[in-house]
Protein backbone atom coordinates (compact mmCIF):
# COMPACT_ATOMS: atom_id res chain seq x y z
CA UNK A 1 0.00 0.00 0.00
CA UNK A 2 1.32 3.44 -0.88
CA UNK A 3 1.93 6.04 1.82
CA UNK A 4 -0.91 8.24 0.52
CA UNK A 5 -3.39 5.38 0.89
CA UNK A 6 -2.08 4.60 4.38
CA UNK A 7 -2.56 8.21 5.45
CA UNK A 8 -6.13 8.16 4.09
CA UNK A 9 -6.93 5.03 6.12
CA UNK A 10 -5.36 6.52 9.26
CA UNK A 11 -7.45 9.67 8.88
CA UNK A 12 -10.62 7.58 8.62
CA UNK A 13 -9.57 5.68 11.75
CA UNK A 14 -8.90 8.98 13.54
CA UNK A 15 -12.38 10.19 12.59
CA UNK A 16 -13.88 7.00 14.03
CA UNK A 17 -11.89 7.38 17.26
CA UNK A 18 -12.94 11.02 17.65
CA UNK A 19 -16.61 10.06 17.30
CA UNK A 20 -16.25 7.41 20.01
CA UNK A 21 -14.28 9.53 22.47
CA UNK A 22 -14.47 7.99 25.94
CA UNK A 23 -16.33 4.90 24.73
CA UNK A 24 -13.48 2.75 23.39
CA UNK A 25 -12.64 -0.43 25.26
CA UNK A 26 -9.08 -1.51 25.92
CA UNK A 27 -9.53 -4.33 23.39
CA UNK A 28 -10.59 -1.87 20.67
CA UNK A 29 -7.58 0.35 21.43
CA UNK A 30 -5.26 -2.67 21.28
CA UNK A 31 -6.72 -3.80 17.94
CA UNK A 32 -6.30 -0.28 16.52
CA UNK A 33 -2.65 -0.12 17.57
CA UNK A 34 -2.07 -3.55 16.10
CA UNK A 35 -3.74 -2.44 12.85
CA UNK A 36 -1.63 0.74 12.68
CA UNK A 37 1.52 -1.36 13.13
CA UNK A 38 0.48 -3.70 10.32
CA UNK A 39 -0.39 -0.75 8.12
CA UNK A 40 2.99 0.88 8.72
CA UNK A 41 4.78 -2.41 8.01
CA UNK A 42 3.11 -2.77 4.61
CA UNK A 43 3.41 0.86 3.51
CA UNK A 44 5.73 1.71 0.62
CA UNK A 45 7.37 5.10 0.44
CA UNK A 46 8.27 5.06 -3.25
CA UNK A 47 7.30 8.04 -5.40
CA UNK A 48 4.03 7.65 -7.22
CA UNK A 49 4.78 8.77 -10.77
CA UNK A 50 2.03 8.60 -13.34
CA UNK A 51 2.25 9.26 -17.02
CA UNK A 52 5.02 8.66 -19.49
CA UNK A 53 8.79 8.60 -19.18
CA UNK A 54 8.93 12.40 -19.52
CA UNK A 55 7.20 12.83 -16.17
CA UNK A 56 9.65 10.47 -14.47
CA UNK A 57 12.65 12.27 -16.00
CA UNK A 58 11.29 15.66 -14.90
CA UNK A 59 10.83 14.37 -11.35
CA UNK A 60 14.35 12.93 -11.28
CA UNK A 61 15.73 16.21 -12.66
CA UNK A 62 14.02 18.19 -9.85
CA UNK A 63 15.42 15.81 -7.22
CA UNK A 64 18.94 16.12 -8.65
CA UNK A 65 18.67 19.93 -8.68
CA UNK A 66 17.55 19.90 -5.06
CA UNK A 67 20.46 17.66 -4.08
CA UNK A 68 22.96 19.91 -5.88
CA UNK A 69 21.60 23.08 -4.30
CA UNK A 70 21.56 21.59 -0.80
CA UNK A 71 25.08 20.19 -1.04
CA UNK A 72 26.34 23.56 -2.26
CA UNK A 73 24.80 25.34 0.73
CA UNK A 74 25.75 22.60 3.24
CA UNK A 75 22.12 22.19 4.28
CA UNK A 76 20.43 19.05 5.46
CA UNK A 77 18.01 17.95 2.66
CA UNK A 78 15.59 16.63 5.28
CA UNK A 79 15.02 20.20 6.49
CA UNK A 80 13.97 21.56 3.09
CA UNK A 81 10.30 21.42 2.11
CA UNK A 82 10.39 22.75 -1.45
CA UNK A 83 12.96 22.64 -4.22
CA UNK A 84 15.04 25.72 -4.79
CA UNK A 85 13.91 28.03 -7.59
CA UNK A 86 17.52 29.01 -8.19
CA UNK A 87 18.45 28.65 -11.84
CA UNK A 88 14.84 28.41 -13.07
C-alpha atoms as a PDB file:
ATOM      1  CA  UNK A   1       0.000   0.000   0.000  1.00  0.00           C
ATOM      2  CA  UNK A   2       1.322   3.439  -0.877  1.00  0.00           C
ATOM      3  CA  UNK A   3       1.933   6.036   1.825  1.00  0.00           C
ATOM      4  CA  UNK A   4      -0.915   8.236   0.517  1.00  0.00           C
ATOM      5  CA  UNK A   5      -3.395   5.379   0.894  1.00  0.00           C
ATOM      6  CA  UNK A   6      -2.075   4.602   4.379  1.00  0.00           C
ATOM      7  CA  UNK A   7      -2.562   8.210   5.454  1.00  0.00           C
ATOM      8  CA  UNK A   8      -6.125   8.159   4.090  1.00  0.00           C
ATOM      9  CA  UNK A   9      -6.926   5.025   6.117  1.00  0.00           C
ATOM     10  CA  UNK A  10      -5.356   6.518   9.262  1.00  0.00           C
ATOM     11  CA  UNK A  11      -7.452   9.672   8.882  1.00  0.00           C
ATOM     12  CA  UNK A  12     -10.618   7.578   8.616  1.00  0.00           C
ATOM     13  CA  UNK A  13      -9.574   5.682  11.750  1.00  0.00           C
ATOM     14  CA  UNK A  14      -8.903   8.976  13.542  1.00  0.00           C
ATOM     15  CA  UNK A  15     -12.380  10.190  12.592  1.00  0.00           C
ATOM     16  CA  UNK A  16     -13.881   6.999  14.029  1.00  0.00           C
ATOM     17  CA  UNK A  17     -11.888   7.384  17.260  1.00  0.00           C
ATOM     18  CA  UNK A  18     -12.943  11.019  17.654  1.00  0.00           C
ATOM     19  CA  UNK A  19     -16.607  10.064  17.302  1.00  0.00           C
ATOM     20  CA  UNK A  20     -16.248   7.408  20.013  1.00  0.00           C
ATOM     21  CA  UNK A  21     -14.281   9.529  22.472  1.00  0.00           C
ATOM     22  CA  UNK A  22     -14.472   7.988  25.941  1.00  0.00           C
ATOM     23  CA  UNK A  23     -16.331   4.899  24.735  1.00  0.00           C
ATOM     24  CA  UNK A  24     -13.482   2.749  23.388  1.00  0.00           C
ATOM     25  CA  UNK A  25     -12.641  -0.426  25.261  1.00  0.00           C
ATOM     26  CA  UNK A  26      -9.081  -1.514  25.920  1.00  0.00           C
ATOM     27  CA  UNK A  27      -9.529  -4.332  23.394  1.00  0.00           C
ATOM     28  CA  UNK A  28     -10.585  -1.872  20.672  1.00  0.00           C
ATOM     29  CA  UNK A  29      -7.579   0.345  21.432  1.00  0.00           C
ATOM     30  CA  UNK A  30      -5.264  -2.675  21.280  1.00  0.00           C
ATOM     31  CA  UNK A  31      -6.721  -3.800  17.941  1.00  0.00           C
ATOM     32  CA  UNK A  32      -6.304  -0.279  16.518  1.00  0.00           C
ATOM     33  CA  UNK A  33      -2.646  -0.116  17.570  1.00  0.00           C
ATOM     34  CA  UNK A  34      -2.070  -3.555  16.098  1.00  0.00           C
ATOM     35  CA  UNK A  35      -3.743  -2.438  12.850  1.00  0.00           C
ATOM     36  CA  UNK A  36      -1.626   0.743  12.685  1.00  0.00           C
ATOM     37  CA  UNK A  37       1.525  -1.363  13.127  1.00  0.00           C
ATOM     38  CA  UNK A  38       0.478  -3.698  10.322  1.00  0.00           C
ATOM     39  CA  UNK A  39      -0.390  -0.747   8.117  1.00  0.00           C
ATOM     40  CA  UNK A  40       2.994   0.879   8.721  1.00  0.00           C
ATOM     41  CA  UNK A  41       4.779  -2.409   8.012  1.00  0.00           C
ATOM     42  CA  UNK A  42       3.111  -2.774   4.608  1.00  0.00           C
ATOM     43  CA  UNK A  43       3.412   0.861   3.507  1.00  0.00           C
ATOM     44  CA  UNK A  44       5.728   1.707   0.624  1.00  0.00           C
ATOM     45  CA  UNK A  45       7.371   5.097   0.440  1.00  0.00           C
ATOM     46  CA  UNK A  46       8.271   5.056  -3.245  1.00  0.00           C
ATOM     47  CA  UNK A  47       7.300   8.043  -5.397  1.00  0.00           C
ATOM     48  CA  UNK A  48       4.028   7.647  -7.223  1.00  0.00           C
ATOM     49  CA  UNK A  49       4.777   8.773 -10.767  1.00  0.00           C
ATOM     50  CA  UNK A  50       2.025   8.604 -13.341  1.00  0.00           C
ATOM     51  CA  UNK A  51       2.250   9.256 -17.022  1.00  0.00           C
ATOM     52  CA  UNK A  52       5.019   8.663 -19.488  1.00  0.00           C
ATOM     53  CA  UNK A  53       8.787   8.600 -19.179  1.00  0.00           C
ATOM     54  CA  UNK A  54       8.933  12.402 -19.523  1.00  0.00           C
ATOM     55  CA  UNK A  55       7.200  12.827 -16.175  1.00  0.00           C
ATOM     56  CA  UNK A  56       9.649  10.470 -14.474  1.00  0.00           C
ATOM     57  CA  UNK A  57      12.655  12.271 -16.003  1.00  0.00           C
ATOM     58  CA  UNK A  58      11.286  15.665 -14.902  1.00  0.00           C
ATOM     59  CA  UNK A  59      10.828  14.370 -11.352  1.00  0.00           C
ATOM     60  CA  UNK A  60      14.354  12.928 -11.281  1.00  0.00           C
ATOM     61  CA  UNK A  61      15.729  16.215 -12.656  1.00  0.00           C
ATOM     62  CA  UNK A  62      14.022  18.186  -9.851  1.00  0.00           C
ATOM     63  CA  UNK A  63      15.417  15.812  -7.218  1.00  0.00           C
ATOM     64  CA  UNK A  64      18.939  16.122  -8.648  1.00  0.00           C
ATOM     65  CA  UNK A  65      18.666  19.931  -8.684  1.00  0.00           C
ATOM     66  CA  UNK A  66      17.553  19.899  -5.060  1.00  0.00           C
ATOM     67  CA  UNK A  67      20.458  17.657  -4.076  1.00  0.00           C
ATOM     68  CA  UNK A  68      22.956  19.911  -5.879  1.00  0.00           C
ATOM     69  CA  UNK A  69      21.601  23.085  -4.297  1.00  0.00           C
ATOM     70  CA  UNK A  70      21.559  21.591  -0.799  1.00  0.00           C
ATOM     71  CA  UNK A  71      25.080  20.190  -1.038  1.00  0.00           C
ATOM     72  CA  UNK A  72      26.342  23.562  -2.263  1.00  0.00           C
ATOM     73  CA  UNK A  73      24.798  25.336   0.728  1.00  0.00           C
ATOM     74  CA  UNK A  74      25.753  22.597   3.239  1.00  0.00           C
ATOM     75  CA  UNK A  75      22.120  22.192   4.280  1.00  0.00           C
ATOM     76  CA  UNK A  76      20.433  19.053   5.461  1.00  0.00           C
ATOM     77  CA  UNK A  77      18.006  17.953   2.660  1.00  0.00           C
ATOM     78  CA  UNK A  78      15.592  16.626   5.281  1.00  0.00           C
ATOM     79  CA  UNK A  79      15.020  20.203   6.490  1.00  0.00           C
ATOM     80  CA  UNK A  80      13.969  21.555   3.091  1.00  0.00           C
ATOM     81  CA  UNK A  81      10.297  21.424   2.109  1.00  0.00           C
ATOM     82  CA  UNK A  82      10.391  22.750  -1.448  1.00  0.00           C
ATOM     83  CA  UNK A  83      12.956  22.644  -4.224  1.00  0.00           C
ATOM     84  CA  UNK A  84      15.039  25.717  -4.786  1.00  0.00           C
ATOM     85  CA  UNK A  85      13.908  28.031  -7.587  1.00  0.00           C
ATOM     86  CA  UNK A  86      17.516  29.012  -8.187  1.00  0.00           C
ATOM     87  CA  UNK A  87      18.453  28.646 -11.845  1.00  0.00           C
ATOM     88  CA  UNK A  88      14.844  28.414 -13.074  1.00  0.00           C
END
